[in-house]
């Protein structure tokens, strides 16, 4: 029945209001959904100090990467989506007074919404070919199955010219999988067997 984290000022006001209305600690806890200890502590603070606001500001260690640092890290990701965690940390630490470790970089990137994922592979298509493909699709959109049976299809062979055959990982947000900077292009050659 307990609640994690600090109560808001409104919730503290509700606790004080319930106790001032004559409800017992147990009745207030049941009504508001907080623990009896919380009800007792908040009401005691109000009686002694007359305050319903939170006494402590924030707990825990201060984050090493502030909003400005997050913007900088975001720019590093945008510049090179394929950078490893070590490379991002090294680039971030250049020119900074306080350096961070890879674990801090990973935590910050996750907090910003970035994850290391496999990139989608798409064929490398020039702007001219894109226009031609669109024209072809529009010209043949009303074809029936019988029309397509009269077309001879050839087979494709795979040749690696531009990149290694290994896995390529990139940093991207959850819905950024089709962002052009997150795609890896591939080339396919058409081989006609006669």
Protein backbone atom coordinates (compact mmCIF):
# COMPACT_ATOMS: atom_id res chain seq x y z
CA UNK A 1 0.00 0.00 0.00
CA UNK A 2 3.04 2.21 0.33
CA UNK A 3 4.12 4.65 -2.33
CA UNK A 4 7.64 5.10 -3.72
CA UNK A 5 9.26 8.51 -3.87
CA UNK A 6 8.38 11.80 -2.22
CA UNK A 7 4.82 13.03 -1.97
CA UNK A 8 3.83 16.09 -3.94
CA UNK A 9 2.76 19.25 -2.12
CA UNK A 10 -0.86 18.50 -3.03
CA UNK A 11 -0.66 14.98 -1.57
CA UNK A 12 0.89 16.37 1.62
CA UNK A 13 -1.98 18.86 1.83
CA UNK A 14 -4.47 15.99 1.48
CA UNK A 15 -2.79 14.15 4.38
CA UNK A 16 -2.96 17.24 6.61
CA UNK A 17 -6.56 17.88 5.56
CA UNK A 18 -7.62 14.31 6.36
CA UNK A 19 -5.99 14.43 9.80
CA UNK A 20 -7.47 17.88 10.53
CA UNK A 21 -10.91 16.56 9.51
CA UNK A 22 -10.67 14.11 12.41
CA UNK A 23 -9.63 10.92 10.61
CA UNK A 24 -7.24 8.64 12.45
CA UNK A 25 -3.85 7.67 11.02
CA UNK A 26 -5.20 4.30 9.89
CA UNK A 27 -8.31 5.83 8.31
CA UNK A 28 -6.20 8.46 6.50
CA UNK A 29 -3.80 5.77 5.25
CA UNK A 30 -6.68 3.65 3.94
CA UNK A 31 -8.42 6.63 2.30
CA UNK A 32 -5.35 8.12 0.62
CA UNK A 33 -3.39 4.93 -0.10
CA UNK A 34 -0.23 5.93 1.78
CA UNK A 35 1.48 4.05 4.59
CA UNK A 36 0.69 4.85 8.22
CA UNK A 37 4.30 5.96 8.71
CA UNK A 38 4.00 8.47 5.88
CA UNK A 39 0.73 9.87 7.26
CA UNK A 40 2.25 10.21 10.72
CA UNK A 41 5.48 11.83 9.46
CA UNK A 42 3.76 14.38 7.18
CA UNK A 43 1.27 15.40 9.86
CA UNK A 44 4.02 15.69 12.48
CA UNK A 45 6.04 17.95 10.16
CA UNK A 46 2.98 20.14 9.65
CA UNK A 47 2.29 20.36 13.40
CA UNK A 48 5.89 21.19 14.29
CA UNK A 49 6.95 23.42 11.40
CA UNK A 50 3.68 24.40 9.74
CA UNK A 51 4.94 23.20 6.36
CA UNK A 52 3.31 20.92 3.82
CA UNK A 53 6.06 21.31 1.22
CA UNK A 54 8.84 18.80 0.83
CA UNK A 55 11.74 19.36 3.16
CA UNK A 56 14.42 17.77 1.00
CA UNK A 57 15.03 18.79 -2.56
CA UNK A 58 16.51 15.85 -4.42
CA UNK A 59 18.29 12.79 -3.20
CA UNK A 60 21.08 10.82 -4.71
CA UNK A 61 24.22 11.80 -6.51
CA UNK A 62 24.06 14.69 -8.93
CA UNK A 63 24.06 13.58 -12.57
CA UNK A 64 27.39 14.19 -14.29
CA UNK A 65 25.72 14.87 -17.65
CA UNK A 66 23.45 17.92 -17.47
CA UNK A 67 21.04 19.15 -20.17
CA UNK A 68 23.86 20.80 -22.09
CA UNK A 69 25.90 17.59 -21.97
CA UNK A 70 22.90 15.62 -23.23
CA UNK A 71 22.56 17.96 -26.20
CA UNK A 72 26.26 17.48 -26.91
CA UNK A 73 25.91 13.71 -26.69
CA UNK A 74 22.90 13.87 -29.01
CA UNK A 75 24.98 15.75 -31.58
CA UNK A 76 27.72 13.10 -31.34
CA UNK A 77 25.14 10.38 -32.05
CA UNK A 78 23.67 12.31 -34.99
CA UNK A 79 27.16 12.78 -36.46
CA UNK A 80 28.05 9.07 -36.30
CA UNK A 81 25.29 6.57 -35.63
CA UNK A 82 27.72 3.64 -35.81
CA UNK A 83 30.08 4.93 -33.10
CA UNK A 84 30.79 2.51 -30.29
CA UNK A 85 30.21 3.36 -26.64
CA UNK A 86 33.96 3.81 -26.17
CA UNK A 87 34.19 6.22 -29.11
CA UNK A 88 31.21 8.27 -27.88
CA UNK A 89 32.69 8.49 -24.38
CA UNK A 90 36.12 9.51 -25.73
CA UNK A 91 34.63 12.21 -27.99
CA UNK A 92 32.43 13.50 -25.17
CA UNK A 93 35.35 13.73 -22.72
CA UNK A 94 37.45 15.84 -25.11
CA UNK A 95 37.37 19.42 -23.88
CA UNK A 96 35.27 18.62 -20.80
CA UNK A 97 36.48 19.47 -17.30
CA UNK A 98 34.87 16.43 -15.71
CA UNK A 99 35.19 13.18 -17.64
CA UNK A 100 32.63 10.39 -17.55
CA UNK A 101 32.93 6.63 -17.89
CA UNK A 102 31.26 4.31 -20.40
CA UNK A 103 28.63 3.24 -17.88
CA UNK A 104 27.56 6.88 -17.45
CA UNK A 105 27.43 7.28 -21.23
CA UNK A 106 25.27 4.16 -21.57
CA UNK A 107 22.92 5.30 -18.79
CA UNK A 108 22.60 8.79 -20.28
CA UNK A 109 21.92 7.47 -23.77
CA UNK A 110 19.22 5.14 -22.44
CA UNK A 111 17.69 7.99 -20.46
CA UNK A 112 17.66 10.07 -23.68
CA UNK A 113 15.87 7.21 -25.47
CA UNK A 114 18.78 5.84 -27.53
CA UNK A 115 19.56 2.13 -27.76
CA UNK A 116 22.13 0.21 -29.74
CA UNK A 117 20.24 -1.75 -32.38
CA UNK A 118 20.85 -3.54 -35.63
CA UNK A 119 20.29 -1.27 -38.59
CA UNK A 120 17.81 -2.00 -41.37
CA UNK A 121 19.38 -2.88 -44.68
CA UNK A 122 17.88 -1.18 -47.68
CA UNK A 123 18.99 -1.20 -51.32
CA UNK A 124 21.08 1.73 -52.49
CA UNK A 125 18.80 3.60 -54.87
CA UNK A 126 19.70 6.87 -56.54
CA UNK A 127 17.21 9.73 -56.85
CA UNK A 128 16.77 9.03 -60.56
CA UNK A 129 16.02 5.36 -59.91
CA UNK A 130 13.56 6.26 -57.19
CA UNK A 131 11.58 8.38 -59.68
CA UNK A 132 11.71 5.62 -62.30
CA UNK A 133 10.54 3.00 -59.79
CA UNK A 134 7.64 5.21 -58.72
CA UNK A 135 6.64 5.77 -62.36
CA UNK A 136 6.82 2.00 -63.01
CA UNK A 137 4.70 1.24 -59.94
CA UNK A 138 2.10 3.82 -60.89
CA UNK A 139 1.97 2.59 -64.50
CA UNK A 140 1.50 -1.05 -63.44
CA UNK A 141 -0.63 -0.69 -60.32
CA UNK A 142 -3.75 -2.00 -62.06
CA UNK A 143 -2.14 -5.10 -63.56
CA UNK A 144 -3.77 -8.43 -62.77
CA UNK A 145 -2.06 -11.69 -61.84
CA UNK A 146 -2.47 -12.83 -65.47
CA UNK A 147 -0.55 -9.77 -66.69
CA UNK A 148 2.33 -10.47 -64.29
CA UNK A 149 2.55 -14.11 -65.44
CA UNK A 150 3.83 -12.84 -68.82
CA UNK A 151 6.89 -11.19 -67.21
CA UNK A 152 10.21 -13.06 -67.05
CA UNK A 153 11.90 -12.68 -63.66
CA UNK A 154 15.65 -13.01 -63.26
CA UNK A 155 17.64 -14.10 -60.22
CA UNK A 156 19.90 -11.88 -58.12
CA UNK A 157 23.40 -12.58 -56.86
CA UNK A 158 25.00 -10.92 -53.86
CA UNK A 159 28.39 -9.17 -54.09
CA UNK A 160 29.96 -7.23 -51.22
CA UNK A 161 31.50 -4.02 -52.51
CA UNK A 162 30.87 -1.32 -49.91
CA UNK A 163 30.91 -2.83 -46.42
CA UNK A 164 31.81 -5.90 -44.44
CA UNK A 165 29.45 -8.79 -44.00
CA UNK A 166 29.44 -8.35 -40.21
CA UNK A 167 26.68 -6.95 -38.07
CA UNK A 168 26.37 -3.18 -38.12
CA UNK A 169 24.95 -1.60 -34.98
CA UNK A 170 23.69 1.96 -34.74
CA UNK A 171 22.35 4.25 -32.01
CA UNK A 172 18.73 5.23 -32.56
CA UNK A 173 15.55 6.01 -30.70
CA UNK A 174 12.64 3.58 -30.57
CA UNK A 175 10.70 4.88 -33.59
CA UNK A 176 13.68 6.04 -35.64
CA UNK A 177 14.29 2.76 -37.50
CA UNK A 178 13.53 4.21 -40.96
CA UNK A 179 15.42 7.47 -40.46
CA UNK A 180 17.83 7.71 -43.45
CA UNK A 181 20.79 8.17 -41.09
CA UNK A 182 19.89 4.85 -39.40
CA UNK A 183 19.82 2.75 -42.59
CA UNK A 184 22.63 0.73 -44.12
CA UNK A 185 22.52 0.59 -47.89
CA UNK A 186 23.28 -2.55 -49.86
CA UNK A 187 23.99 -3.11 -53.56
CA UNK A 188 22.48 -5.94 -55.56
CA UNK A 189 23.65 -6.81 -59.05
CA UNK A 190 21.28 -8.33 -61.53
CA UNK A 191 22.69 -11.43 -63.20
CA UNK A 192 20.86 -12.65 -66.28
CA UNK A 193 21.44 -16.29 -67.11
CA UNK A 194 20.96 -17.09 -70.78
